[in-house]
Protein backbone atom coordinates (compact mmCIF):
# COMPACT_ATOMS: atom_id res chain seq x y z
CA MET A 1 0.00 0.00 0.00
CA ILE A 2 2.85 2.40 0.89
CA LYS A 3 4.51 1.64 -2.44
CA VAL A 4 1.33 2.51 -4.32
CA LEU A 5 0.88 5.78 -2.42
CA ALA A 6 4.51 6.74 -3.02
CA SER A 7 4.22 6.26 -6.77
CA SER A 8 0.66 7.51 -7.32
CA TRP A 9 -0.20 9.91 -4.46
CA ALA A 10 -0.42 12.95 -6.73
CA LEU A 11 -2.75 11.21 -9.15
CA LEU A 12 -4.94 9.83 -6.35
CA LEU A 13 -5.09 13.22 -4.60
CA GLY A 14 -6.01 14.94 -7.84
CA MET A 15 -8.72 12.41 -8.61
CA MET A 16 -10.21 12.81 -5.14
CA LEU A 17 -10.38 16.59 -5.57
CA LEU A 18 -11.98 16.09 -8.98
CA GLN A 19 -14.63 13.88 -7.42
CA VAL A 20 -15.27 16.48 -4.72
CA GLY A 21 -15.91 19.04 -7.45
CA ASN A 22 -18.02 16.63 -9.49
CA GLY A 23 -20.06 15.44 -6.51
CA LEU A 24 -20.62 19.01 -5.35
CA GLN A 25 -21.91 20.24 -8.70
CA GLY A 26 -24.30 17.31 -9.04
CA THR A 27 -25.95 17.86 -5.66
CA LEU A 28 -25.83 21.63 -6.01
CA LEU A 29 -27.69 21.62 -9.33
CA GLY A 30 -30.45 19.45 -7.87
CA VAL A 31 -30.98 21.91 -5.02
CA ARG A 32 -30.54 25.06 -7.11
CA GLY A 33 -32.92 23.83 -9.78
CA GLN A 34 -35.71 23.63 -7.22
CA LEU A 35 -34.88 27.16 -6.01
CA GLU A 36 -35.03 28.40 -9.60
CA GLY A 37 -38.46 26.83 -10.07
CA PHE A 38 -37.44 24.21 -12.66
CA SER A 39 -39.90 21.36 -13.08
CA THR A 40 -38.93 17.84 -12.09
CA PHE A 41 -38.91 16.71 -15.71
CA SER A 42 -36.74 19.69 -16.72
CA MET A 43 -34.24 18.67 -14.05
CA SER A 44 -34.32 15.08 -15.26
CA ILE A 45 -33.30 16.31 -18.73
CA VAL A 46 -30.52 18.38 -17.16
CA MET A 47 -29.23 15.43 -15.15
CA SER A 48 -29.37 13.02 -18.09
CA GLY A 49 -27.06 15.36 -20.01
CA TYR A 50 -24.09 14.26 -17.89
CA PHE A 51 -24.55 10.62 -18.89
CA VAL A 52 -24.98 11.50 -22.57
CA GLY A 53 -21.68 13.36 -22.48
CA PHE A 54 -20.00 10.63 -20.45
CA LEU A 55 -21.12 7.94 -22.88
CA PHE A 56 -19.71 9.76 -25.91
CA GLY A 57 -16.61 10.85 -24.03
CA SER A 58 -15.76 7.25 -23.15
CA ARG A 59 -15.81 6.38 -26.85
CA MET A 60 -14.01 9.47 -28.16
CA ALA A 61 -11.38 10.14 -25.48
CA PRO A 62 -9.01 7.33 -26.56
CA GLU A 63 -8.79 8.76 -30.07
CA MET A 64 -8.22 12.27 -28.72
CA ILE A 65 -5.36 10.99 -26.56
CA ARG A 66 -3.77 9.18 -29.49
CA ARG A 67 -3.87 12.34 -31.60
CA VAL A 68 -2.61 15.03 -29.20
CA GLY A 69 -1.35 13.17 -26.12
CA HIS A 70 -2.36 12.68 -22.49
CA VAL A 71 -1.23 16.03 -21.09
CA ARG A 72 -3.00 18.21 -23.66
CA VAL A 73 -6.25 16.28 -23.39
CA PHE A 74 -6.09 16.34 -19.59
CA ALA A 75 -5.42 20.08 -19.37
CA ALA A 76 -7.92 21.08 -22.07
CA LEU A 77 -10.79 19.08 -20.62
CA GLY A 78 -10.03 20.33 -17.11
CA SER A 79 -10.21 23.92 -18.29
CA LEU A 80 -13.60 23.30 -19.88
CA ILE A 81 -14.94 21.74 -16.67
CA SER A 82 -13.90 24.75 -14.60
CA ALA A 83 -15.43 27.16 -17.09
CA VAL A 84 -18.79 25.39 -17.21
CA LEU A 85 -19.00 25.20 -13.40
CA ILE A 86 -18.67 28.97 -13.17
CA LEU A 87 -21.23 29.53 -15.93
CA TYR A 88 -23.99 27.52 -14.25
CA PRO A 89 -25.24 30.34 -11.95
CA VAL A 90 -24.93 32.87 -14.79
CA ALA A 91 -27.10 30.95 -17.28
CA THR A 92 -29.90 29.61 -15.10
CA HIS A 93 -32.02 27.93 -17.76
CA PRO A 94 -32.68 24.18 -18.16
CA ILE A 95 -31.37 24.12 -21.75
CA ALA A 96 -28.17 25.91 -20.76
CA TRP A 97 -27.69 23.58 -17.81
CA MET A 98 -28.34 20.52 -19.97
CA ALA A 99 -25.68 21.68 -22.46
CA GLY A 100 -23.31 22.32 -19.57
CA ARG A 101 -23.93 18.86 -18.14
CA ILE A 102 -23.24 17.26 -21.52
CA VAL A 103 -19.93 19.12 -21.75
CA ILE A 104 -18.99 18.25 -18.18
CA GLY A 105 -19.92 14.59 -18.64
CA PHE A 106 -17.82 14.43 -21.80
CA CYS A 107 -14.88 16.14 -20.12
CA PHE A 108 -14.95 14.07 -16.95
CA SER A 109 -15.05 10.90 -19.01
CA GLY A 110 -11.96 12.00 -20.93
CA VAL A 111 -10.19 13.04 -17.74
CA TYR A 112 -10.92 9.67 -16.12
CA VAL A 113 -9.68 7.75 -19.15
CA THR A 114 -6.45 9.76 -19.14
CA ALA A 115 -5.86 9.43 -15.40
CA GLU A 116 -6.69 5.72 -15.40
CA SER A 117 -4.18 5.02 -18.17
CA TRP A 118 -1.52 6.78 -16.07
CA LEU A 119 -2.50 4.74 -13.01
CA ASN A 120 -2.45 1.49 -14.96
CA ASN A 121 0.99 2.31 -16.35
CA ALA A 122 2.36 3.01 -12.86
CA ALA A 123 0.98 -0.24 -11.40
CA THR A 124 2.81 -3.56 -11.37
CA ASN A 125 1.35 -7.05 -11.11
CA GLU A 126 1.97 -6.93 -7.36
CA THR A 127 0.39 -3.50 -6.80
CA ARG A 128 -2.45 -3.53 -9.34
CA GLY A 129 -5.07 -4.74 -6.88
CA GLN A 130 -4.08 -2.16 -4.28
CA SER A 131 -4.09 0.59 -6.92
CA LEU A 132 -7.63 -0.36 -7.94
CA SER A 133 -8.81 -0.36 -4.34
CA LEU A 134 -7.25 3.01 -3.53
CA TYR A 135 -8.60 4.53 -6.74
CA MET A 136 -12.13 3.43 -5.91
CA ILE A 137 -11.81 4.58 -2.29
CA VAL A 138 -10.61 8.08 -3.19
CA GLN A 139 -13.44 8.42 -5.72
CA MET A 140 -16.06 7.52 -3.14
CA ALA A 141 -14.38 9.64 -0.45
CA GLY A 142 -14.40 12.63 -2.79
CA ILE A 143 -18.12 12.39 -3.51
CA VAL A 144 -18.98 11.91 0.19
CA SER A 145 -16.75 14.86 1.16
CA ALA A 146 -18.51 17.04 -1.40
CA GLN A 147 -21.78 16.58 0.46
CA GLY A 148 -20.24 18.13 3.58
CA ILE A 149 -19.25 21.23 1.60
CA MET A 150 -22.87 21.76 0.53
CA VAL A 151 -23.82 23.04 3.98
CA LEU A 152 -21.06 25.67 4.11
CA ALA A 153 -22.72 28.25 1.83
CA ASP A 154 -26.08 29.29 0.42
CA PRO A 155 -26.96 27.22 -2.68
CA SER A 156 -28.83 30.20 -4.12
CA GLY A 157 -25.59 32.17 -4.45
CA PHE A 158 -22.35 31.84 -6.40
CA VAL A 159 -19.96 30.60 -3.70
CA LEU A 160 -20.57 26.86 -4.06
CA PHE A 161 -20.27 26.98 -7.86
CA ILE A 162 -16.99 28.87 -7.56
CA THR A 163 -15.79 26.42 -4.91
CA SER A 164 -16.51 23.50 -7.22
CA SER A 165 -14.62 25.20 -10.07
CA VAL A 166 -11.64 25.97 -7.83
CA LEU A 167 -11.47 22.39 -6.55
CA VAL A 168 -11.41 21.04 -10.09
CA SER A 169 -8.72 23.54 -11.13
CA ILE A 170 -6.54 22.70 -8.12
CA ALA A 171 -6.96 18.98 -8.79
CA PHE A 172 -4.90 19.21 -11.97
CA ALA A 173 -1.89 20.86 -10.35
CA PRO A 174 -0.45 17.86 -8.45
CA ILE A 175 -1.14 15.55 -11.38
CA LEU A 176 0.41 17.64 -14.14
CA LEU A 177 3.39 18.79 -12.05
CA SER A 178 4.44 15.39 -10.77
CA ILE A 179 3.23 12.81 -13.26
CA SER A 180 5.78 10.46 -14.80
CA PRO A 181 6.35 10.37 -18.58
CA THR A 182 3.11 9.65 -20.36
CA PRO A 183 2.55 6.01 -21.29
CA ALA A 184 1.82 4.62 -24.70
CA PHE A 185 -1.95 4.49 -25.09
CA ASP A 186 -3.81 1.52 -26.39
CA THR A 187 -7.22 0.01 -25.75
CA THR A 188 -8.82 -3.25 -26.70
CA LYS A 189 -11.35 -3.21 -29.50
CA PRO A 190 -14.71 -3.95 -27.84
CA MET A 191 -16.65 -7.09 -28.64
CA SER A 192 -19.93 -6.57 -30.50
CA LEU A 193 -23.00 -6.05 -28.32
CA LEU A 194 -24.86 -8.89 -30.01
CA GLU A 195 -22.03 -11.29 -29.26
CA ILE A 196 -21.93 -10.24 -25.60
CA MET A 197 -25.71 -10.63 -25.38
CA ARG A 198 -25.43 -14.15 -26.79
CA ILE A 199 -22.70 -15.05 -24.30
CA SER A 200 -24.36 -13.56 -21.20
CA PRO A 201 -27.98 -12.37 -21.46
CA LEU A 202 -28.13 -11.78 -17.70
CA GLY A 203 -24.94 -9.73 -17.75
CA CYS A 204 -26.25 -7.46 -20.51
CA VAL A 205 -29.80 -7.03 -19.18
CA GLY A 206 -28.47 -6.50 -15.68
CA MET A 207 -25.98 -3.87 -16.82
CA PHE A 208 -28.65 -1.94 -18.70
CA LEU A 209 -31.01 -1.93 -15.72
CA LEU A 210 -28.16 -1.05 -13.36
CA GLY A 211 -27.28 1.94 -15.55
CA GLY A 212 -30.75 3.32 -14.85
CA VAL A 213 -30.32 2.73 -11.12
CA PHE A 214 -26.92 4.44 -11.06
CA SER A 215 -27.99 7.52 -12.99
CA ALA A 216 -31.11 7.84 -10.83
CA GLN A 217 -29.16 7.76 -7.58
CA PHE A 218 -26.28 9.92 -8.84
CA GLY A 219 -28.34 12.40 -10.84
CA MET A 220 -31.80 12.51 -9.31
CA ALA A 221 -31.22 11.93 -5.57
CA PRO A 222 -30.61 15.66 -4.95
CA VAL A 223 -33.68 16.51 -7.04
CA PHE A 224 -35.74 14.09 -4.95
CA GLY A 225 -34.45 15.69 -1.75
CA ALA A 226 -35.30 19.19 -2.93
CA GLU A 227 -38.78 18.15 -4.12
CA ALA A 228 -39.41 16.30 -0.84
CA GLY A 229 -38.66 19.44 1.16
CA LEU A 230 -35.45 18.22 2.81
CA SER A 231 -32.97 20.77 4.12
CA VAL A 232 -29.59 21.17 2.41
CA GLY A 233 -27.92 19.25 5.24
CA GLN A 234 -30.43 16.42 4.96
CA ILE A 235 -30.00 16.23 1.18
CA SER A 236 -26.22 16.03 1.62
CA ALA A 237 -26.55 13.24 4.19
CA PHE A 238 -29.01 11.35 1.99
CA VAL A 239 -26.78 11.51 -1.10
CA SER A 240 -23.78 10.40 0.97
CA THR A 241 -25.50 7.20 2.07
CA PHE A 242 -25.40 5.73 -1.44
CA PHE A 243 -21.62 5.94 -1.56
CA ILE A 244 -21.01 5.00 2.06
CA GLY A 245 -23.07 1.86 1.48
CA ALA A 246 -20.96 1.08 -1.58
CA LEU A 247 -17.71 1.32 0.39
CA VAL A 248 -19.02 -0.91 3.17
CA LEU A 249 -20.43 -3.72 1.03
CA GLN A 250 -18.12 -3.79 -2.01
CA TYR A 251 -15.64 -6.24 -0.51
CA PRO A 252 -18.05 -8.57 1.34
CA VAL A 253 -20.00 -9.01 -1.90
CA GLY A 254 -16.74 -9.56 -3.80
CA TRP A 255 -15.63 -12.20 -1.28
CA MET A 256 -18.93 -14.07 -1.64
CA SER A 257 -18.83 -13.70 -5.42
CA ASP A 258 -15.85 -16.02 -5.78
CA ARG A 259 -17.37 -18.67 -3.52
CA MET A 260 -20.92 -19.24 -4.79
CA ASP A 261 -23.20 -19.23 -7.83
CA ARG A 262 -23.03 -15.59 -8.91
CA ARG A 263 -26.61 -15.67 -10.20
CA VAL A 264 -27.84 -16.37 -6.68
CA LEU A 265 -25.78 -13.44 -5.40
CA ILE A 266 -27.06 -11.17 -8.18
CA LEU A 267 -30.62 -12.15 -7.32
CA ALA A 268 -30.09 -11.65 -3.57
CA THR A 269 -28.37 -8.27 -3.83
CA ALA A 270 -30.93 -6.98 -6.34
CA VAL A 271 -33.75 -8.03 -3.99
CA ILE A 272 -32.05 -6.29 -1.05
CA GLY A 273 -31.72 -3.10 -3.08
CA GLY A 274 -35.29 -3.39 -4.31
CA VAL A 275 -36.58 -3.83 -0.76
CA GLY A 276 -34.54 -0.79 0.30
CA ALA A 277 -36.15 1.24 -2.48
CA LEU A 278 -39.62 0.06 -1.44
CA LEU A 279 -38.87 1.14 2.13
CA GLY A 280 -38.03 4.59 0.81
CA PHE A 281 -41.22 4.61 -1.26
CA VAL A 282 -43.48 3.60 1.63
CA LEU A 283 -41.71 5.18 4.62
CA GLY A 284 -39.91 8.05 2.92
CA GLY A 285 -41.65 10.55 5.17
CA TYR A 286 -39.25 9.51 7.93
CA PHE A 287 -35.75 10.86 7.33
CA THR A 288 -34.10 7.92 9.08
CA MET A 289 -35.77 5.53 6.65
CA LEU A 290 -34.44 7.60 3.75
CA LEU A 291 -30.92 7.05 5.05
CA VAL A 292 -31.55 3.32 5.47
CA ALA A 293 -32.95 3.13 1.93
CA GLY A 294 -29.92 4.99 0.53
CA LEU A 295 -27.49 2.67 2.33
CA MET A 296 -29.29 -0.44 1.04
CA ILE A 297 -29.56 0.78 -2.57
CA GLY A 298 -26.00 2.12 -2.78
CA GLY A 299 -24.62 -0.85 -0.88
CA VAL A 300 -25.81 -3.32 -3.52
CA SER A 301 -25.89 -1.27 -6.74
CA ASN A 302 -22.14 -0.57 -6.76
CA PRO A 303 -21.02 -4.16 -6.06
CA LEU A 304 -23.55 -5.39 -8.63
CA TYR A 305 -21.57 -3.57 -11.33
CA ALA A 306 -18.41 -5.59 -10.71
CA LEU A 307 -20.50 -8.70 -10.05
CA LEU A 308 -22.24 -8.57 -13.44
CA ILE A 309 -18.90 -8.08 -15.21
CA ALA A 310 -17.40 -11.01 -13.30
CA TYR A 311 -20.42 -13.18 -14.12
CA THR A 312 -20.03 -12.40 -17.82
CA ASN A 313 -16.33 -13.26 -17.57
CA ASP A 314 -17.27 -16.74 -16.35
CA PHE A 315 -18.26 -17.57 -19.94
CA LEU A 316 -15.25 -15.94 -21.62
CA GLU A 317 -11.65 -16.88 -22.28
CA PHE A 318 -9.05 -14.65 -20.61
CA ASP A 319 -8.18 -13.05 -23.95
CA ASP A 320 -11.79 -11.92 -24.49
CA MET A 321 -12.50 -10.41 -21.07
CA ALA A 322 -11.07 -6.95 -21.72
CA ALA A 323 -12.78 -6.79 -25.12
CA ALA A 324 -16.16 -7.64 -23.60
CA SER A 325 -15.75 -5.11 -20.79
CA GLY A 326 -15.93 -2.18 -23.22
CA GLY A 327 -19.26 -3.39 -24.55
CA MET A 328 -20.59 -3.94 -21.04
CA VAL A 329 -19.70 -0.38 -20.04
CA PHE A 330 -21.46 0.93 -23.17
CA ILE A 331 -24.62 -1.03 -22.31
CA ASN A 332 -24.51 0.41 -18.80
CA GLY A 333 -24.13 3.88 -20.29
CA LEU A 334 -27.23 3.45 -22.45
CA GLY A 335 -29.23 2.60 -19.35
CA ALA A 336 -27.73 5.58 -17.52
CA VAL A 337 -28.87 8.02 -20.21
CA THR A 338 -32.50 6.94 -19.90
CA GLY A 339 -32.52 6.69 -16.09
CA PRO A 340 -33.01 10.37 -15.13
CA LEU A 341 -35.58 10.91 -17.89
CA VAL A 342 -37.81 8.06 -16.74
CA THR A 343 -37.26 8.94 -13.08
CA GLY A 344 -38.28 12.54 -13.73
CA TRP A 345 -41.41 11.45 -15.58
CA VAL A 346 -42.44 9.06 -12.78
CA MET A 347 -41.81 11.73 -10.13
CA GLY A 348 -43.91 14.14 -12.16
CA GLN A 349 -46.76 11.62 -12.16
CA ILE A 350 -46.82 10.48 -8.53
CA GLY A 351 -44.56 12.92 -6.69
CA PRO A 352 -41.04 12.68 -5.23
CA ARG A 353 -41.59 9.09 -4.07
CA GLY A 354 -41.46 8.07 -7.74
CA PHE A 355 -37.67 8.23 -7.35
CA PHE A 356 -37.74 5.13 -5.16
CA LEU A 357 -40.45 3.39 -7.17
CA PHE A 358 -38.37 3.58 -10.35
CA ILE A 359 -35.29 2.14 -8.63
CA ALA A 360 -37.37 -0.62 -7.00
CA VAL A 361 -38.84 -1.66 -10.34
CA LEU A 362 -35.40 -1.87 -12.00
CA LEU A 363 -33.75 -3.84 -9.20
CA LEU A 364 -36.65 -6.26 -8.75
CA ALA A 365 -36.82 -6.75 -12.52
CA MET A 366 -33.12 -7.66 -12.42
CA ALA A 367 -33.78 -10.15 -9.63
CA GLY A 368 -36.66 -11.67 -11.58
CA TYR A 369 -34.57 -12.04 -14.74
CA ALA A 370 -31.73 -13.60 -12.73
CA ALA A 371 -34.19 -16.17 -11.35
CA TYR A 372 -35.38 -16.91 -14.89
CA ARG A 373 -31.84 -17.33 -16.23
CA MET A 374 -31.09 -19.82 -13.47
CA THR A 375 -33.62 -22.14 -15.12
CA GLN A 376 -31.99 -21.83 -18.56
CA ARG A 377 -28.46 -23.14 -18.01
CA ALA A 378 -26.23 -24.58 -15.33
CA ALA A 379 -23.91 -22.39 -13.29
CA PRO A 380 -20.16 -22.52 -13.96
CA SER A 381 -18.04 -24.39 -11.45
CA VAL A 382 -17.25 -22.27 -8.38
CA GLU A 383 -13.58 -23.18 -8.82
CA ASP A 384 -13.59 -21.34 -12.16
CA THR A 385 -15.32 -18.18 -10.93
CA ASP A 386 -12.43 -16.14 -9.55
CA SER A 387 -12.36 -13.03 -11.76
CA TYR A 388 -14.19 -10.55 -9.50
CA ALA A 389 -12.35 -7.21 -9.28
CA PRO A 390 -13.65 -4.12 -7.45
CA VAL A 391 -14.56 -1.28 -9.80
CA ALA A 392 -16.73 1.75 -9.17
CA LEU A 393 -20.18 1.97 -10.73
CA GLY A 394 -20.06 4.38 -13.66
CA ALA A 395 -16.38 3.66 -14.40
CA THR A 396 -14.95 4.27 -17.86
CA PRO A 397 -13.93 1.41 -20.17
CA MET A 398 -10.28 2.14 -19.27
CA ALA A 399 -10.93 1.54 -15.55
CA VAL A 400 -12.84 -1.66 -16.28
CA GLU A 401 -10.06 -2.93 -18.56
CA PHE A 402 -7.61 -2.05 -15.79
CA ALA A 403 -9.69 -4.13 -13.37
CA GLN A 404 -9.91 -6.99 -15.86
CA GLU A 405 -6.13 -7.08 -16.25
CA TYR A 406 -5.85 -7.50 -12.50
CA ALA A 407 -8.53 -10.18 -12.40
CA ILE A 408 -6.94 -12.10 -15.28
CA GLU A 409 -3.44 -11.90 -13.81
CA THR A 410 -4.70 -13.06 -10.41
CA ALA A 411 -6.63 -15.97 -11.93
CA GLN A 412 -3.65 -17.04 -14.04
CA GLU A 413 -1.29 -16.90 -11.08
CA GLU A 414 -3.66 -18.98 -8.96
CA ALA A 415 -4.05 -21.52 -11.77
CA ALA A 416 -0.28 -21.76 -12.15
CA LEU A 417 0.17 -22.29 -8.41
CA GLU A 418 -2.51 -24.97 -8.43
CA GLU A 419 -0.83 -26.80 -11.31
CA GLU A 420 2.53 -26.54 -9.55
CA SER A 421 1.07 -28.00 -6.36
CA LYS A 422 -0.26 -30.99 -8.34
CA VAL A 423 3.12 -31.67 -9.91
CA THR A 424 5.18 -31.19 -6.74
CA PRO A 425 4.94 -34.29 -4.51
C-alpha cells in the first residue's frame, strides 16, 4: 500500500479533488434547480445530459489521446470543466444547464480515461489490486466529502459553484506537475454487443437496468431531496449514504462472489436493493428511513456492477474479457442516459416518491430475470469463478479494462500455483 501511495499519491489526490468538485456540482444543481423553479422533468433532462456526455466521451477520449497526447487532453478538458461550473449560476435555464452537463460529462469521461491510463501504467502485477482499491476509495471519499461542503454556503448564491470550479482547477496541479512520462496508449477493441448478449444475457440485461439505477441515484437523488422538502444538510446526508453503502459492502460481496453461484448473489443483492427502495417509497416521510434506503440501494448497486462483469467473464476466455468489458460499459451507459428521464417522468406523475419506485422496479426486474436465467443453463463451477475485481459503478472502459487485467493476472497466477502444487509431490 505504501509503495502505491509513493508512486501515485499525486494522481490519487487529484482524482479525489476532482470527485469532490463533481459530486458538489451534481448535488448543487439538484438543489438550485428547485430554487429556480425548474420542473422535475426539466431537471431530469438536465441530469441526463451528464450521462450523454460521459457515454460519448468514453468512446471518443481514446482517439483524442492518441492524436494530441495525455497532457493536452487532460489540461484542455479540465479547463472546460472549470469554465462550465462557473457559468452555471450565470445561465440559469434548463437548456443551458443541460448543455453544460453534456460538456462536463464528456470532459470528466476523458479526464478519467487519461488518469486511469496513467494509473495502470504506474501499477505492477503486485500493486495492481491495491491501486484499484485506492482509486475506488478516493473516488467515493471525494463524492462523500462534497456533500459536507454543501452546507457551508447558500446554494442560491455563487460561492458553491466557484468552490466547485476551484477544486477542479486545483486537482490538476499535483497531477500535471508530478506525473511520470506519459505512457503509450492503447485500448482493446470492444466485442460486439450482439455477441456479448449471446454469451451472457443476464450480464447485458443486468448492466442496462443497473445503468438506470446508477444515474437515478447519482443524478436525481438531490432533485428528490429538494422536491421532498429536505434541508440542504439532509440532502447532503441522503446523497452520501449511497456511496457509504458502496464502500461498506463492495468487498463482502466480492468475497462471496468467488465462492458461490453468482446468479444467486445477483438475485439476492438486487432483492435487497429493491426492498430498500420500497422502504423509501413507503416510509420516505421519515428521514431515518431515507438514510436506510440509501445505504441499502447504494450498498448493492455498486457491487452489482463488478459482479455482473465477473459473471459475464465466467463464460469468456481470458483473452476476451477486456474486449467484452468495453461493450458492457457501453450497455450500462445506455441505461444511464435513460434513467433520469424516466425517473423525472415518474416523479412528475406520482410525486417525489417516484424516485424510489423507479429504482425498486429496476432492481426487482433484475432479480426476476436472474431467477429466470437460473432455469436456462447450469452455473459454472465455483472453482472457475475467480475473476471478480472491485470497480466503481459508472467507471470508464479504461478503468474496467484495468480491473480486468488485474482479475486475469490473479486468476492465471492462482491456476499456475494450483498446477505446480499438483506436480510437486
